Amino acid sequence: MSRYKVLPGPEAFLPPSAASMGNVLPDPGEAHIEGKVVPVDEAYEVAARKILGAKVPTIFPGPLVLWKINPHVAEKATALRELANEVPMRLIPMADYRPKYPK
């Protein structure tokens, strides 16, 4: 199966599931970058380049980070806050991912 990448445009609104396109979970010490599994160090480099090259760098922390479910999540939240202060970048909390349907 060829490597799949979601393209900008209408397809991006309802892309196929990652599993159906042959995407597998990375092993410990690896990460996903644009559809391929790479070492974590390479993933950090790519993420840093994208964050520093963005016009308005923004992170959208979700419910797992916002509600501090366990101590490990608290470490992630602290790291995100430090990153946001260092770059500087926006933090926009996403407390709920569910769509808002009209009444």
PDB file of N, CA and C in Angstrom:
ATOM      1  N   MET A   1       0.846  -1.172   0.000  1.00  0.00           N
ATOM      2  CA  MET A   1       0.000   0.000   0.000  1.00  0.00           C
ATOM      3  C   MET A   1       0.895   1.241   0.000  1.00  0.00           C
ATOM      4  N   SER A   2       0.584   2.214  -0.852  1.00  0.00           N
ATOM      5  CA  SER A   2       1.406   3.418  -0.927  1.00  0.00           C
ATOM      6  C   SER A   2       1.147   4.323   0.277  1.00  0.00           C
ATOM      7  N   ARG A   3       2.112   5.174   0.549  1.00  0.00           N
ATOM      8  CA  ARG A   3       1.991   6.096   1.679  1.00  0.00           C
ATOM      9  C   ARG A   3       0.922   7.136   1.374  1.00  0.00           C
ATOM     10  N   TYR A   4      -0.003   7.337   2.295  1.00  0.00           N
ATOM     11  CA  TYR A   4      -1.129   8.252   2.090  1.00  0.00           C
ATOM     12  C   TYR A   4      -0.908   9.545   2.851  1.00  0.00           C
ATOM     13  N   LYS A   5      -1.283  10.657   2.244  1.00  0.00           N
ATOM     14  CA  LYS A   5      -1.181  11.959   2.892  1.00  0.00           C
ATOM     15  C   LYS A   5      -2.463  12.729   2.606  1.00  0.00           C
ATOM     16  N   VAL A   6      -3.084  13.271   3.641  1.00  0.00           N
ATOM     17  CA  VAL A   6      -4.300  14.062   3.464  1.00  0.00           C
ATOM     18  C   VAL A   6      -3.923  15.370   2.774  1.00  0.00           C
ATOM     19  N   LEU A   7      -4.597  15.655   1.679  1.00  0.00           N
ATOM     20  CA  LEU A   7      -4.317  16.859   0.908  1.00  0.00           C
ATOM     21  C   LEU A   7      -5.242  17.994   1.330  1.00  0.00           C
ATOM     22  N   PRO A   8      -4.801  19.245   1.145  1.00  0.00           N
ATOM     23  CA  PRO A   8      -5.688  20.358   1.463  1.00  0.00           C
ATOM     24  C   PRO A   8      -6.896  20.353   0.525  1.00  0.00           C
ATOM     25  N   GLY A   9      -7.988  20.906   0.991  1.00  0.00           N
ATOM     26  CA  GLY A   9      -9.186  20.966   0.158  1.00  0.00           C
ATOM     27  C   GLY A   9     -10.319  20.174   0.768  1.00  0.00           C
ATOM     28  N   PRO A  10     -11.332  19.852  -0.037  1.00  0.00           N
ATOM     29  CA  PRO A  10     -12.521  19.169   0.487  1.00  0.00           C
ATOM     30  C   PRO A  10     -12.219  17.832   1.164  1.00  0.00           C
ATOM     31  N   GLU A  11     -11.219  17.108   0.665  1.00  0.00           N
ATOM     32  CA  GLU A  11     -10.880  15.805   1.243  1.00  0.00           C
ATOM     33  C   GLU A  11     -10.501  15.919   2.717  1.00  0.00           C
ATOM     34  N   ALA A  12      -9.905  17.029   3.104  1.00  0.00           N
ATOM     35  CA  ALA A  12      -9.435  17.201   4.479  1.00  0.00           C
ATOM     36  C   ALA A  12     -10.580  17.246   5.488  1.00  0.00           C
ATOM     37  N   PHE A  13     -11.803  17.513   5.031  1.00  0.00           N
ATOM     38  CA  PHE A  13     -12.936  17.574   5.953  1.00  0.00           C
ATOM     39  C   PHE A  13     -13.398  16.193   6.399  1.00  0.00           C
ATOM     40  N   LEU A  14     -13.193  15.172   5.570  1.00  0.00           N
ATOM     41  CA  LEU A  14     -13.594  13.815   5.933  1.00  0.00           C
ATOM     42  C   LEU A  14     -12.594  12.813   5.351  1.00  0.00           C
ATOM     43  N   PRO A  15     -11.353  12.805   5.864  1.00  0.00           N
ATOM     44  CA  PRO A  15     -10.351  11.886   5.333  1.00  0.00           C
ATOM     45  C   PRO A  15     -10.633  10.454   5.778  1.00  0.00           C
ATOM     46  N   PRO A  16     -10.104   9.466   5.047  1.00  0.00           N
ATOM     47  CA  PRO A  16     -10.266   8.080   5.482  1.00  0.00           C
ATOM     48  C   PRO A  16      -9.507   7.835   6.785  1.00  0.00           C
ATOM     49  N   SER A  17      -9.894   6.791   7.500  1.00  0.00           N
ATOM     50  CA  SER A  17      -9.215   6.494   8.765  1.00  0.00           C
ATOM     51  C   SER A  17      -7.763   6.107   8.506  1.00  0.00           C
ATOM     52  N   ALA A  18      -6.911   6.431   9.455  1.00  0.00           N
ATOM     53  CA  ALA A  18      -5.485   6.139   9.311  1.00  0.00           C
ATOM     54  C   ALA A  18      -5.241   4.639   9.179  1.00  0.00           C
ATOM     55  N   ALA A  19      -5.956   3.835   9.965  1.00  0.00           N
ATOM     56  CA  ALA A  19      -5.752   2.384   9.926  1.00  0.00           C
ATOM     57  C   ALA A  19      -6.123   1.812   8.557  1.00  0.00           C
ATOM     58  N   SER A  20      -7.171   2.333   7.934  1.00  0.00           N
ATOM     59  CA  SER A  20      -7.573   1.811   6.625  1.00  0.00           C
ATOM     60  C   SER A  20      -6.567   2.172   5.544  1.00  0.00           C
ATOM     61  N   MET A  21      -5.718   3.156   5.801  1.00  0.00           N
ATOM     62  CA  MET A  21      -4.705   3.559   4.830  1.00  0.00           C
ATOM     63  C   MET A  21      -3.338   2.958   5.152  1.00  0.00           C
ATOM     64  N   GLY A  22      -3.297   1.984   6.067  1.00  0.00           N
ATOM     65  CA  GLY A  22      -2.058   1.275   6.362  1.00  0.00           C
ATOM     66  C   GLY A  22      -1.174   1.939   7.404  1.00  0.00           C
ATOM     67  N   ASN A  23      -1.679   2.912   8.128  1.00  0.00           N
ATOM     68  CA  ASN A  23      -0.905   3.601   9.153  1.00  0.00           C
ATOM     69  C   ASN A  23      -0.915   2.769  10.437  1.00  0.00           C
ATOM     70  N   VAL A  24       0.247   2.483  10.992  1.00  0.00           N
ATOM     71  CA  VAL A  24       0.351   1.674  12.212  1.00  0.00           C
ATOM     72  C   VAL A  24       0.938   2.523  13.339  1.00  0.00           C
ATOM     73  N   LEU A  25       0.703   2.094  14.579  1.00  0.00           N
ATOM     74  CA  LEU A  25       1.246   2.817  15.728  1.00  0.00           C
ATOM     75  C   LEU A  25       2.764   2.667  15.779  1.00  0.00           C
ATOM     76  N   PRO A  26       3.481   3.745  16.109  1.00  0.00           N
ATOM     77  CA  PRO A  26       4.935   3.640  16.213  1.00  0.00           C
ATOM     78  C   PRO A  26       5.346   2.908  17.488  1.00  0.00           C
ATOM     79  N   ASP A  27       6.514   2.303  17.450  1.00  0.00           N
ATOM     80  CA  ASP A  27       7.077   1.654  18.632  1.00  0.00           C
ATOM     81  C   ASP A  27       7.619   2.730  19.577  1.00  0.00           C
ATOM     82  N   PRO A  28       7.869   2.376  20.850  1.00  0.00           N
ATOM     83  CA  PRO A  28       8.494   3.354  21.756  1.00  0.00           C
ATOM     84  C   PRO A  28       9.813   3.854  21.162  1.00  0.00           C
ATOM     85  N   GLY A  29      10.028   5.164  21.232  1.00  0.00           N
ATOM     86  CA  GLY A  29      11.227   5.757  20.647  1.00  0.00           C
ATOM     87  C   GLY A  29      11.027   6.208  19.213  1.00  0.00           C
ATOM     88  N   GLU A  30       9.817   6.011  18.681  1.00  0.00           N
ATOM     89  CA  GLU A  30       9.485   6.437  17.325  1.00  0.00           C
ATOM     90  C   GLU A  30       8.267   7.355  17.367  1.00  0.00           C
ATOM     91  N   ALA A  31       8.025   8.057  16.257  1.00  0.00           N
ATOM     92  CA  ALA A  31       6.885   8.977  16.176  1.00  0.00           C
ATOM     93  C   ALA A  31       6.386   9.034  14.738  1.00  0.00           C
ATOM     94  N   HIS A  32       5.184   9.588  14.563  1.00  0.00           N
ATOM     95  CA  HIS A  32       4.625   9.807  13.228  1.00  0.00           C
ATOM     96  C   HIS A  32       4.931  11.223  12.770  1.00  0.00           C
ATOM     97  N   ILE A  33       5.436  11.357  11.554  1.00  0.00           N
ATOM     98  CA  ILE A  33       5.596  12.667  10.922  1.00  0.00           C
ATOM     99  C   ILE A  33       5.062  12.538   9.505  1.00  0.00           C
ATOM    100  N   GLU A  34       3.951  13.215   9.244  1.00  0.00           N
ATOM    101  CA  GLU A  34       3.336  13.256   7.921  1.00  0.00           C
ATOM    102  C   GLU A  34       3.205  11.868   7.297  1.00  0.00           C
ATOM    103  N   GLY A  35       2.704  10.925   8.076  1.00  0.00           N
ATOM    104  CA  GLY A  35       2.396   9.605   7.552  1.00  0.00           C
ATOM    105  C   GLY A  35       3.514   8.590   7.580  1.00  0.00           C
ATOM    106  N   LYS A  36       4.683   8.947   8.058  1.00  0.00           N
ATOM    107  CA  LYS A  36       5.752   7.948   8.144  1.00  0.00           C
ATOM    108  C   LYS A  36       6.282   7.882   9.569  1.00  0.00           C
ATOM    109  N   VAL A  37       6.788   6.714   9.941  1.00  0.00           N
ATOM    110  CA  VAL A  37       7.333   6.495  11.279  1.00  0.00           C
ATOM    111  C   VAL A  37       8.814   6.859  11.249  1.00  0.00           C
ATOM    112  N   VAL A  38       9.219   7.734  12.182  1.00  0.00           N
ATOM    113  CA  VAL A  38      10.601   8.215  12.248  1.00  0.00           C
ATOM    114  C   VAL A  38      11.081   8.156  13.695  1.00  0.00           C
ATOM    115  N   PRO A  39      12.404   8.219  13.932  1.00  0.00           N
ATOM    116  CA  PRO A  39      12.909   8.286  15.308  1.00  0.00           C
ATOM    117  C   PRO A  39      12.421   9.562  16.004  1.00  0.00           C
ATOM    118  N   VAL A  40      12.287   9.508  17.318  1.00  0.00           N
ATOM    119  CA  VAL A  40      11.767  10.639  18.092  1.00  0.00           C
ATOM    120  C   VAL A  40      12.616  11.893  17.899  1.00  0.00           C
ATOM    121  N   ASP A  41      13.934  11.754  17.839  1.00  0.00           N
ATOM    122  CA  ASP A  41      14.802  12.927  17.667  1.00  0.00           C
ATOM    123  C   ASP A  41      14.490  13.662  16.367  1.00  0.00           C
ATOM    124  N   GLU A  42      14.267  12.904  15.298  1.00  0.00           N
ATOM    125  CA  GLU A  42      13.909  13.517  14.015  1.00  0.00           C
ATOM    126  C   GLU A  42      12.543  14.200  14.110  1.00  0.00           C
ATOM    127  N   ALA A  43      11.615  13.587  14.834  1.00  0.00           N
ATOM    128  CA  ALA A  43      10.283  14.174  15.010  1.00  0.00           C
ATOM    129  C   ALA A  43      10.377  15.500  15.761  1.00  0.00           C
ATOM    130  N   TYR A  44      11.230  15.568  16.785  1.00  0.00           N
ATOM    131  CA  TYR A  44      11.413  16.822  17.522  1.00  0.00           C
ATOM    132  C   TYR A  44      11.966  17.916  16.605  1.00  0.00           C
ATOM    133  N   GLU A  45      12.925  17.553  15.749  1.00  0.00           N
ATOM    134  CA  GLU A  45      13.502  18.533  14.823  1.00  0.00           C
ATOM    135  C   GLU A  45      12.451  19.079  13.868  1.00  0.00           C
ATOM    136  N   VAL A  46      11.655  18.185  13.284  1.00  0.00           N
ATOM    137  CA  VAL A  46      10.613  18.606  12.342  1.00  0.00           C
ATOM    138  C   VAL A  46       9.587  19.487  13.053  1.00  0.00           C
ATOM    139  N   ALA A  47       9.176  19.087  14.261  1.00  0.00           N
ATOM    140  CA  ALA A  47       8.200  19.879  15.020  1.00  0.00           C
ATOM    141  C   ALA A  47       8.760  21.265  15.335  1.00  0.00           C
ATOM    142  N   ALA A  48      10.018  21.338  15.740  1.00  0.00           N
ATOM    143  CA  ALA A  48      10.634  22.632  16.060  1.00  0.00           C
ATOM    144  C   ALA A  48      10.682  23.527  14.827  1.00  0.00           C
ATOM    145  N   ARG A  49      11.054  22.958  13.666  1.00  0.00           N
ATOM    146  CA  ARG A  49      11.090  23.749  12.436  1.00  0.00           C
ATOM    147  C   ARG A  49       9.709  24.282  12.079  1.00  0.00           C
ATOM    148  N   LYS A  50       8.686  23.437  12.223  1.00  0.00           N
ATOM    149  CA  LYS A  50       7.322  23.859  11.883  1.00  0.00           C
ATOM    150  C   LYS A  50       6.814  24.924  12.854  1.00  0.00           C
ATOM    151  N   ILE A  51       7.103  24.763  14.140  1.00  0.00           N
ATOM    152  CA  ILE A  51       6.655  25.749  15.133  1.00  0.00           C
ATOM    153  C   ILE A  51       7.348  27.089  14.902  1.00  0.00           C
ATOM    154  N   LEU A  52       8.665  27.064  14.719  1.00  0.00           N
ATOM    155  CA  LEU A  52       9.410  28.313  14.542  1.00  0.00           C
ATOM    156  C   LEU A  52       9.122  28.975  13.199  1.00  0.00           C
ATOM    157  N   GLY A  53       8.698  28.193  12.201  1.00  0.00           N
ATOM    158  CA  GLY A  53       8.402  28.738  10.880  1.00  0.00           C
ATOM    159  C   GLY A  53       6.963  29.175  10.698  1.00  0.00           C
ATOM    160  N   ALA A  54       6.110  28.938  11.684  1.00  0.00           N
ATOM    161  CA  ALA A  54       4.690  29.283  11.562  1.00  0.00           C
ATOM    162  C   ALA A  54       4.472  30.781  11.742  1.00  0.00           C
ATOM    163  N   LYS A  55       3.474  31.323  11.019  1.00  0.00           N
ATOM    164  CA  LYS A  55       3.128  32.743  11.177  1.00  0.00           C
ATOM    165  C   LYS A  55       2.606  33.011  12.584  1.00  0.00           C
ATOM    166  N   VAL A  56       1.656  32.182  13.013  1.00  0.00           N
ATOM    167  CA  VAL A  56       1.069  32.306  14.351  1.00  0.00           C
ATOM    168  C   VAL A  56       1.088  30.914  14.986  1.00  0.00           C
ATOM    169  N   PRO A  57       2.205  30.521  15.613  1.00  0.00           N
ATOM    170  CA  PRO A  57       2.262  29.181  16.198  1.00  0.00           C
ATOM    171  C   PRO A  57       1.211  29.013  17.297  1.00  0.00           C
ATOM    172  N   THR A  58       0.482  27.903  17.226  1.00  0.00           N
ATOM    173  CA  THR A  58      -0.628  27.666  18.152  1.00  0.00           C
ATOM    174  C   THR A  58      -0.671  26.200  18.542  1.00  0.00           C
ATOM    175  N   ILE A  59      -0.947  25.922  19.801  1.00  0.00           N
ATOM    176  CA  ILE A  59      -1.189  24.558  20.286  1.00  0.00           C
ATOM    177  C   ILE A  59      -2.599  24.526  20.847  1.00  0.00           C
ATOM    178  N   PHE A  60      -3.321  23.449  20.527  1.00  0.00           N
ATOM    179  CA  PHE A  60      -4.686  23.265  21.010  1.00  0.00           C
ATOM    180  C   PHE A  60      -4.711  22.098  21.998  1.00  0.00           C
ATOM    181  N   PRO A  61      -4.408  22.325  23.285  1.00  0.00           N
ATOM    182  CA  PRO A  61      -4.452  21.215  24.240  1.00  0.00           C
ATOM    183  C   PRO A  61      -5.890  20.730  24.429  1.00  0.00           C
ATOM    184  N   GLY A  62      -6.053  19.414  24.468  1.00  0.00           N
ATOM    185  CA  GLY A  62      -7.378  18.816  24.581  1.00  0.00           C
ATOM    186  C   GLY A  62      -7.742  18.428  26.000  1.00  0.00           C
ATOM    187  N   PRO A  63      -8.858  17.705  26.140  1.00  0.00           N
ATOM    188  CA  PRO A  63      -9.386  17.351  27.463  1.00  0.00           C
ATOM    189  C   PRO A  63      -8.395  16.592  28.349  1.00  0.00           C
ATOM    190  N   LEU A  64      -7.610  15.699  27.764  1.00  0.00           N
ATOM    191  CA  LEU A  64      -6.671  14.908  28.562  1.00  0.00           C
ATOM    192  C   LEU A  64      -5.704  15.813  29.323  1.00  0.00           C
ATOM    193  N   VAL A  65      -5.199  16.842  28.660  1.00  0.00           N
ATOM    194  CA  VAL A  65      -4.253  17.764  29.296  1.00  0.00           C
ATOM    195  C   VAL A  65      -4.979  18.750  30.211  1.00  0.00           C
ATOM    196  N   LEU A  66      -6.148  19.205  29.798  1.00  0.00           N
ATOM    197  CA  LEU A  66      -6.855  20.236  30.572  1.00  0.00           C
ATOM    198  C   LEU A  66      -7.359  19.739  31.916  1.00  0.00           C
ATOM    199  N   TRP A  67      -7.815  18.489  31.973  1.00  0.00           N
ATOM    200  CA  TRP A  67      -8.455  18.011  33.205  1.00  0.00           C
ATOM    201  C   TRP A  67      -7.500  17.275  34.140  1.00  0.00           C
ATOM    202  N   LYS A  68      -6.211  17.159  33.799  1.00  0.00           N
ATOM    203  CA  LYS A  68      -5.183  16.576  34.679  1.00  0.00           C
ATOM    204  C   LYS A  68      -5.667  15.256  35.302  1.00  0.00           C
ATOM    205  N   ILE A  69      -5.830  14.270  34.435  1.00  0.00           N
ATOM    206  CA  ILE A  69      -6.354  12.974  34.844  1.00  0.00           C
ATOM    207  C   ILE A  69      -5.366  12.203  35.727  1.00  0.00           C
ATOM    208  N   ASN A  70      -4.061  12.344  35.475  1.00  0.00           N
ATOM    209  CA  ASN A  70      -3.050  11.668  36.291  1.00  0.00           C
ATOM    210  C   ASN A  70      -1.766  12.504  36.315  1.00  0.00           C
ATOM    211  N   PRO A  71      -0.791  12.147  37.148  1.00  0.00           N
ATOM    212  CA  PRO A  71       0.439  12.949  37.261  1.00  0.00           C
ATOM    213  C   PRO A  71       1.228  13.041  35.953  1.00  0.00           C
ATOM    214  N   HIS A  72       1.180  11.981  35.133  1.00  0.00           N
ATOM    215  CA  HIS A  72       1.905  12.004  33.861  1.00  0.00           C
ATOM    216  C   HIS A  72       1.363  13.114  32.956  1.00  0.00           C
ATOM    217  N   VAL A  73       0.053  13.307  32.983  1.00  0.00           N
ATOM    218  CA  VAL A  73      -0.572  14.357  32.172  1.00  0.00           C
ATOM    219  C   VAL A  73      -0.174  15.732  32.695  1.00  0.00           C
ATOM    220  N   ALA A  74      -0.002  15.863  34.003  1.00  0.00           N
ATOM    221  CA  ALA A  74       0.432  17.140  34.576  1.00  0.00           C
ATOM    222  C   ALA A  74       1.812  17.524  34.038  1.00  0.00           C
ATOM    223  N   GLU A  75       2.689  16.543  33.848  1.00  0.00           N
ATOM    224  CA  GLU A  75       4.009  16.804  33.271  1.00  0.00           C
ATOM    225  C   GLU A  75       3.875  17.311  31.841  1.00  0.00           C
ATOM    226  N   LYS A  76       2.968  16.701  31.068  1.00  0.00           N
ATOM    227  CA  LYS A  76       2.744  17.143  29.688  1.00  0.00           C
ATOM    228  C   LYS A  76       2.222  18.574  29.658  1.00  0.00           C
ATOM    229  N   ALA A  77       1.298  18.889  30.551  1.00  0.00           N
ATOM    230  CA  ALA A  77       0.730  20.239  30.599  1.00  0.00           C
ATOM    231  C   ALA A  77       1.810  21.261  30.938  1.00  0.00           C
ATOM    232  N   THR A  78       2.678  20.927  31.871  1.00  0.00           N
ATOM    233  CA  THR A  78       3.773  21.827  32.240  1.00  0.00           C
ATOM    234  C   THR A  78       4.714  22.033  31.057  1.00  0.00           C
ATOM    235  N   ALA A  79       5.033  20.954  30.346  1.00  0.00           N
ATOM    236  CA  ALA A  79       5.912  21.056  29.177  1.00  0.00           C
ATOM    237  C   ALA A  79       5.281  21.919  28.085  1.00  0.00           C
ATOM    238  N   LEU A  80       3.980  21.753  27.857  1.00  0.00           N
ATOM    239  CA  LEU A  80       3.290  22.578  26.857  1.00  0.00           C
ATOM    240  C   LEU A  80       3.331  24.054  27.239  1.00  0.00           C
ATOM    241  N   ARG A  81       3.111  24.340  28.508  1.00  0.00           N
ATOM    242  CA  ARG A  81       3.122  25.732  28.971  1.00  0.00           C
ATOM    243  C   ARG A  81       4.513  26.344  28.819  1.00  0.00           C
ATOM    244  N   GLU A  82       5.545  25.588  29.161  1.00  0.00           N
ATOM    245  CA  GLU A  82       6.916  26.079  29.005  1.00  0.00           C
ATOM    246  C   GLU A  82       7.238  26.337  27.538  1.00  0.00           C
ATOM    247  N   LEU A  83       6.797  25.430  26.654  1.00  0.00           N
ATOM    248  CA  LEU A  83       7.008  25.605  25.214  1.00  0.00           C
ATOM    249  C   LEU A  83       6.303  26.864  24.724  1.00  0.00           C
ATOM    250  N   ALA A  84       5.063  27.055  25.151  1.00  0.00           N
ATOM    251  CA  ALA A  84       4.288  28.226  24.730  1.00  0.00           C
ATOM    252  C   ALA A  84       4.937  29.524  25.205  1.00  0.00           C
ATOM    253  N   ASN A  85       5.530  29.526  26.375  1.00  0.00           N
ATOM    254  CA  ASN A  85       6.196  30.726  26.889  1.00  0.00           C
ATOM    255  C   ASN A  85       7.524  30.978  26.185  1.00  0.00           C
ATOM    256  N   GLU A  86       8.212  29.913  25.797  1.00  0.00           N
ATOM    257  CA  GLU A  86       9.539  30.030  25.205  1.00  0.00           C
ATOM    258  C   GLU A  86       9.492  30.533  23.767  1.00  0.00           C
ATOM    259  N   VAL A  87       8.508  30.092  22.973  1.00  0.00           N
ATOM    260  CA  VAL A  87       8.533  30.364  21.522  1.00  0.00           C
ATOM    261  C   VAL A  87       8.301  31.832  21.164  1.00  0.00           C
ATOM    262  N   PRO A  88       7.386  32.615  21.538  1.00  0.00           N
ATOM    263  CA  PRO A  88       6.089  32.440  22.197  1.00  0.00           C
ATOM    264  C   PRO A  88       5.027  31.959  21.205  1.00  0.00           C
ATOM    265  N   MET A  89       4.001  31.350  21.740  1.00  0.00           N
ATOM    266  CA  MET A  89       2.925  30.834  20.902  1.00  0.00           C
ATOM    267  C   MET A  89       1.607  30.900  21.640  1.00  0.00           C
ATOM    268  N   ARG A  90       0.530  30.737  20.892  1.00  0.00           N
ATOM    269  CA  ARG A  90      -0.807  30.754  21.479  1.00  0.00           C
ATOM    270  C   ARG A  90      -1.162  29.382  22.026  1.00  0.00           C
ATOM    271  N   LEU A  91      -1.926  29.373  23.094  1.00  0.00           N
ATOM    272  CA  LEU A  91      -2.533  28.153  23.628  1.00  0.00           C
ATOM    273  C   LEU A  91      -4.043  28.362  23.586  1.00  0.00           C
ATOM    274  N   ILE A  92      -4.746  27.530  22.820  1.00  0.00           N
ATOM    275  CA  ILE A  92      -6.200  27.627  22.737  1.00  0.00           C
ATOM    276  C   ILE A  92      -6.775  26.318  23.266  1.00  0.00           C
ATOM    277  N   PRO A  93      -7.352  26.327  24.466  1.00  0.00           N
ATOM    278  CA  PRO A  93      -7.867  25.084  25.046  1.00  0.00           C
ATOM    279  C   PRO A  93      -9.069  24.552  24.275  1.00  0.00           C
ATOM    280  N   MET A  94      -9.086  23.242  24.076  1.00  0.00           N
ATOM    281  CA  MET A  94     -10.195  22.554  23.405  1.00  0.00           C
ATOM    282  C   MET A  94     -10.796  21.587  24.421  1.00  0.00           C
ATOM    283  N   ALA A  95     -11.682  22.094  25.253  1.00  0.00           N
ATOM    284  CA  ALA A  95     -12.240  21.283  26.335  1.00  0.00           C
ATOM    285  C   ALA A  95     -13.147  20.171  25.830  1.00  0.00           C
ATOM    286  N   ASP A  96     -13.732  20.351  24.650  1.00  0.00           N
ATOM    287  CA  ASP A  96     -14.679  19.370  24.128  1.00  0.00           C
ATOM    288  C   ASP A  96     -14.547  19.325  22.613  1.00  0.00           C
ATOM    289  N   TYR A  97     -14.322  18.135  22.057  1.00  0.00           N
ATOM    290  CA  TYR A  97     -14.153  17.992  20.612  1.00  0.00           C
ATOM    291  C   TYR A  97     -15.468  17.772  19.875  1.00  0.00           C
ATOM    292  N   ARG A  98     -16.536  17.497  20.606  1.00  0.00           N
ATOM    293  CA  ARG A  98     -17.786  17.147  19.936  1.00  0.00           C
ATOM    294  C   ARG A  98     -18.312  18.320  19.119  1.00  0.00           C
ATOM    295  N   PRO A  99     -18.873  18.033  17.940  1.00  0.00           N
ATOM    296  CA  PRO A  99     -19.404  19.126  17.112  1.00  0.00           C
ATOM    297  C   PRO A  99     -20.629  19.759  17.749  1.00  0.00           C
ATOM    298  N   LYS A 100     -20.829  21.009  17.472  1.00  0.00           N
ATOM    299  CA  LYS A 100     -22.002  21.731  17.967  1.00  0.00           C
ATOM    300  C   LYS A 100     -23.083  21.675  16.892  1.00  0.00           C
ATOM    301  N   TYR A 101     -24.102  20.868  17.108  1.00  0.00           N
ATOM    302  CA  TYR A 101     -25.176  20.731  16.132  1.00  0.00           C
ATOM    303  C   TYR A 101     -26.222  21.819  16.341  1.00  0.00           C
ATOM    304  N   PRO A 102     -26.776  22.351  15.247  1.00  0.00           N
ATOM    305  CA  PRO A 102     -27.837  23.359  15.409  1.00  0.00           C
ATOM    306  C   PRO A 102     -29.084  22.744  16.021  1.00  0.00           C
ATOM    307  N   LYS A 103     -29.832  23.555  16.751  1.00  0.00           N
ATOM    308  CA  LYS A 103     -31.049  23.049  17.407  1.00  0.00           C
ATOM    309  C   LYS A 103     -32.235  23.150  16.485  1.00  0.00           C
TER     310      LYS A 103
END
